[in-house]
Amino acid sequence: MSETINTGWTGGQNAVGDIAPALAHYTDKVLFDEVWERPELSKRDRSLATVSALVAMGSTEQLNFHLAFARENGVTQQELIEALTHLAFYTGWPRAMAAITVAKDVFAVDERD
């Protein structure tokens, strides 16, 4: 990508900038300013791909953020539930069950807002 977009994203800095400034930089400037802004996939599609990868790897600690971010990017709650159900057959039942437990908590927060 020849031109970097500055989205103003500071999630990496806020999360780990005090202890891992390089990781914060790559998160904010490369991942969110460059990769997530590439026009070849919509943010909605990137969110579905990311959630799927996290479930496949069993990385539920990152799902809190990415399920909520997927909602911001236009993925509905029902679509996320369907994706997690579908993934149970490809990633394993325990991973899907762990992911749906995280989703239940994320969606409960959405309903309170």
C-alpha atoms as a PDB file:
ATOM      1  CA  MET A   1       0.000   0.000   0.000  1.00  0.00           C
ATOM      2  CA  SER A   2       1.679   3.198  -1.126  1.00  0.00           C
ATOM      3  CA  GLU A   3      -0.257   5.636   1.030  1.00  0.00           C
ATOM      4  CA  THR A   4      -0.816   4.961   4.709  1.00  0.00           C
ATOM      5  CA  ILE A   5      -4.149   6.008   6.116  1.00  0.00           C
ATOM      6  CA  ASN A   6      -4.106   7.444   9.620  1.00  0.00           C
ATOM      7  CA  THR A   7      -7.272   6.171  11.273  1.00  0.00           C
ATOM      8  CA  GLY A   8      -6.322   7.572  14.638  1.00  0.00           C
ATOM      9  CA  TRP A   9      -6.436   4.039  16.037  1.00  0.00           C
ATOM     10  CA  THR A  10      -4.704   3.860  19.445  1.00  0.00           C
ATOM     11  CA  GLY A  11      -5.909   0.512  20.772  1.00  0.00           C
ATOM     12  CA  GLY A  12      -2.424  -0.982  20.699  1.00  0.00           C
ATOM     13  CA  GLN A  13      -0.933   2.014  22.456  1.00  0.00           C
ATOM     14  CA  ASN A  14      -3.661   1.923  25.088  1.00  0.00           C
ATOM     15  CA  ALA A  15      -3.327  -1.821  25.657  1.00  0.00           C
ATOM     16  CA  VAL A  16       0.430  -2.425  25.629  1.00  0.00           C
ATOM     17  CA  GLY A  17       2.202   0.816  24.731  1.00  0.00           C
ATOM     18  CA  ASP A  18       3.700   1.150  28.199  1.00  0.00           C
ATOM     19  CA  ILE A  19       5.458  -2.214  28.047  1.00  0.00           C
ATOM     20  CA  ALA A  20       5.738  -3.035  24.322  1.00  0.00           C
ATOM     21  CA  PRO A  21       5.872   0.181  22.294  1.00  0.00           C
ATOM     22  CA  ALA A  22       6.949  -1.580  19.096  1.00  0.00           C
ATOM     23  CA  LEU A  23       4.037  -4.024  19.292  1.00  0.00           C
ATOM     24  CA  ALA A  24       1.698  -1.098  19.949  1.00  0.00           C
ATOM     25  CA  HIS A  25       3.104   0.701  16.898  1.00  0.00           C
ATOM     26  CA  TYR A  26       2.645  -2.343  14.620  1.00  0.00           C
ATOM     27  CA  THR A  27      -0.871  -2.885  15.944  1.00  0.00           C
ATOM     28  CA  ASP A  28      -1.962   0.712  15.434  1.00  0.00           C
ATOM     29  CA  LYS A  29      -0.011   1.784  12.349  1.00  0.00           C
ATOM     30  CA  VAL A  30       0.402  -1.420  10.363  1.00  0.00           C
ATOM     31  CA  LEU A  31      -2.536  -3.625  11.321  1.00  0.00           C
ATOM     32  CA  PHE A  32      -5.272  -1.032  11.774  1.00  0.00           C
ATOM     33  CA  ASP A  33      -4.001   1.871   9.623  1.00  0.00           C
ATOM     34  CA  GLU A  34      -2.860  -0.321   6.723  1.00  0.00           C
ATOM     35  CA  VAL A  35      -4.186  -3.883   6.698  1.00  0.00           C
ATOM     36  CA  TRP A  36      -7.723  -3.173   7.942  1.00  0.00           C
ATOM     37  CA  GLU A  37      -8.030  -0.249   5.495  1.00  0.00           C
ATOM     38  CA  ARG A  38      -7.110  -2.182   2.346  1.00  0.00           C
ATOM     39  CA  PRO A  39     -10.036  -1.926  -0.087  1.00  0.00           C
ATOM     40  CA  GLU A  40      -9.843  -5.503  -1.384  1.00  0.00           C
ATOM     41  CA  LEU A  41     -12.002  -6.760   1.516  1.00  0.00           C
ATOM     42  CA  SER A  42     -14.662  -4.890   3.416  1.00  0.00           C
ATOM     43  CA  LYS A  43     -14.190  -4.403   7.149  1.00  0.00           C
ATOM     44  CA  ARG A  44     -17.242  -6.628   7.598  1.00  0.00           C
ATOM     45  CA  ASP A  45     -15.548  -9.466   5.710  1.00  0.00           C
ATOM     46  CA  ARG A  46     -12.266  -8.877   7.551  1.00  0.00           C
ATOM     47  CA  SER A  47     -14.146  -9.143  10.833  1.00  0.00           C
ATOM     48  CA  LEU A  48     -15.722 -12.471   9.872  1.00  0.00           C
ATOM     49  CA  ALA A  49     -12.329 -13.803   8.777  1.00  0.00           C
ATOM     50  CA  THR A  50     -10.692 -12.597  11.985  1.00  0.00           C
ATOM     51  CA  VAL A  51     -13.361 -14.068  14.254  1.00  0.00           C
ATOM     52  CA  SER A  52     -13.102 -17.368  12.368  1.00  0.00           C
ATOM     53  CA  ALA A  53      -9.318 -17.453  12.720  1.00  0.00           C
ATOM     54  CA  LEU A  54      -9.485 -16.664  16.425  1.00  0.00           C
ATOM     55  CA  VAL A  55     -12.025 -19.440  17.006  1.00  0.00           C
ATOM     56  CA  ALA A  56      -9.921 -21.897  14.973  1.00  0.00           C
ATOM     57  CA  MET A  57      -6.862 -21.067  17.078  1.00  0.00           C
ATOM     58  CA  GLY A  58      -8.794 -21.155  20.345  1.00  0.00           C
ATOM     59  CA  SER A  59      -7.799 -17.534  21.012  1.00  0.00           C
ATOM     60  CA  THR A  60     -10.852 -16.568  22.995  1.00  0.00           C
ATOM     61  CA  GLU A  61      -8.996 -13.785  24.857  1.00  0.00           C
ATOM     62  CA  GLN A  62      -9.067 -11.730  21.643  1.00  0.00           C
ATOM     63  CA  LEU A  63     -12.715 -12.522  20.856  1.00  0.00           C
ATOM     64  CA  ASN A  64     -14.116  -9.979  23.326  1.00  0.00           C
ATOM     65  CA  PHE A  65     -12.730  -7.185  21.193  1.00  0.00           C
ATOM     66  CA  HIS A  66     -13.236  -8.749  17.772  1.00  0.00           C
ATOM     67  CA  LEU A  67     -16.854  -9.813  18.282  1.00  0.00           C
ATOM     68  CA  ALA A  68     -17.765  -6.275  19.339  1.00  0.00           C
ATOM     69  CA  PHE A  69     -15.659  -4.852  16.493  1.00  0.00           C
ATOM     70  CA  ALA A  70     -17.459  -7.149  14.037  1.00  0.00           C
ATOM     71  CA  ARG A  71     -20.760  -5.680  15.227  1.00  0.00           C
ATOM     72  CA  GLU A  72     -19.368  -2.170  14.597  1.00  0.00           C
ATOM     73  CA  ASN A  73     -18.343  -3.346  11.121  1.00  0.00           C
ATOM     74  CA  GLY A  74     -21.876  -4.443  10.232  1.00  0.00           C
ATOM     75  CA  VAL A  75     -21.973  -8.124  11.196  1.00  0.00           C
ATOM     76  CA  THR A  76     -25.198  -8.885  13.021  1.00  0.00           C
ATOM     77  CA  GLN A  77     -25.437 -10.842  16.239  1.00  0.00           C
ATOM     78  CA  GLN A  78     -27.354 -13.571  14.444  1.00  0.00           C
ATOM     79  CA  GLU A  79     -24.685 -13.808  11.720  1.00  0.00           C
ATOM     80  CA  LEU A  80     -21.962 -14.157  14.343  1.00  0.00           C
ATOM     81  CA  ILE A  81     -23.919 -16.878  16.155  1.00  0.00           C
ATOM     82  CA  GLU A  82     -24.414 -18.695  12.849  1.00  0.00           C
ATOM     83  CA  ALA A  83     -20.711 -18.395  12.023  1.00  0.00           C
ATOM     84  CA  LEU A  84     -19.744 -19.796  15.436  1.00  0.00           C
ATOM     85  CA  THR A  85     -22.217 -22.656  15.006  1.00  0.00           C
ATOM     86  CA  HIS A  86     -20.790 -23.396  11.553  1.00  0.00           C
ATOM     87  CA  LEU A  87     -17.248 -23.286  12.911  1.00  0.00           C
ATOM     88  CA  ALA A  88     -18.057 -25.974  15.481  1.00  0.00           C
ATOM     89  CA  PHE A  89     -17.882 -28.539  12.685  1.00  0.00           C
ATOM     90  CA  TYR A  90     -14.540 -27.281  11.349  1.00  0.00           C
ATOM     91  CA  THR A  91     -12.654 -26.112  14.434  1.00  0.00           C
ATOM     92  CA  GLY A  92     -14.009 -28.475  17.064  1.00  0.00           C
ATOM     93  CA  TRP A  93     -16.908 -28.390  19.456  1.00  0.00           C
ATOM     94  CA  PRO A  94     -14.952 -27.154  22.509  1.00  0.00           C
ATOM     95  CA  ARG A  95     -13.573 -24.153  20.616  1.00  0.00           C
ATOM     96  CA  ALA A  96     -16.997 -23.188  19.332  1.00  0.00           C
ATOM     97  CA  MET A  97     -18.532 -23.597  22.769  1.00  0.00           C
ATOM     98  CA  ALA A  98     -15.805 -21.422  24.306  1.00  0.00           C
ATOM     99  CA  ALA A  99     -16.369 -18.807  21.596  1.00  0.00           C
ATOM    100  CA  ILE A 100     -20.142 -18.758  22.052  1.00  0.00           C
ATOM    101  CA  THR A 101     -19.644 -18.238  25.791  1.00  0.00           C
ATOM    102  CA  VAL A 102     -17.545 -15.146  25.018  1.00  0.00           C
ATOM    103  CA  ALA A 103     -20.148 -14.019  22.472  1.00  0.00           C
ATOM    104  CA  LYS A 104     -22.922 -14.352  25.041  1.00  0.00           C
ATOM    105  CA  ASP A 105     -21.042 -11.957  27.345  1.00  0.00           C
ATOM    106  CA  VAL A 106     -20.279  -9.513  24.509  1.00  0.00           C
ATOM    107  CA  PHE A 107     -23.890  -9.494  23.333  1.00  0.00           C
ATOM    108  CA  ALA A 108     -25.146  -8.956  26.897  1.00  0.00           C
ATOM    109  CA  VAL A 109     -23.024  -5.806  27.081  1.00  0.00           C
ATOM    110  CA  ASP A 110     -24.451  -4.675  23.712  1.00  0.00           C
ATOM    111  CA  GLU A 111     -27.993  -5.070  25.057  1.00  0.00           C
ATOM    112  CA  ARG A 112     -27.200  -2.956  28.124  1.00  0.00           C
ATOM    113  CA  ASP A 113     -25.808  -0.100  26.002  1.00  0.00           C
END
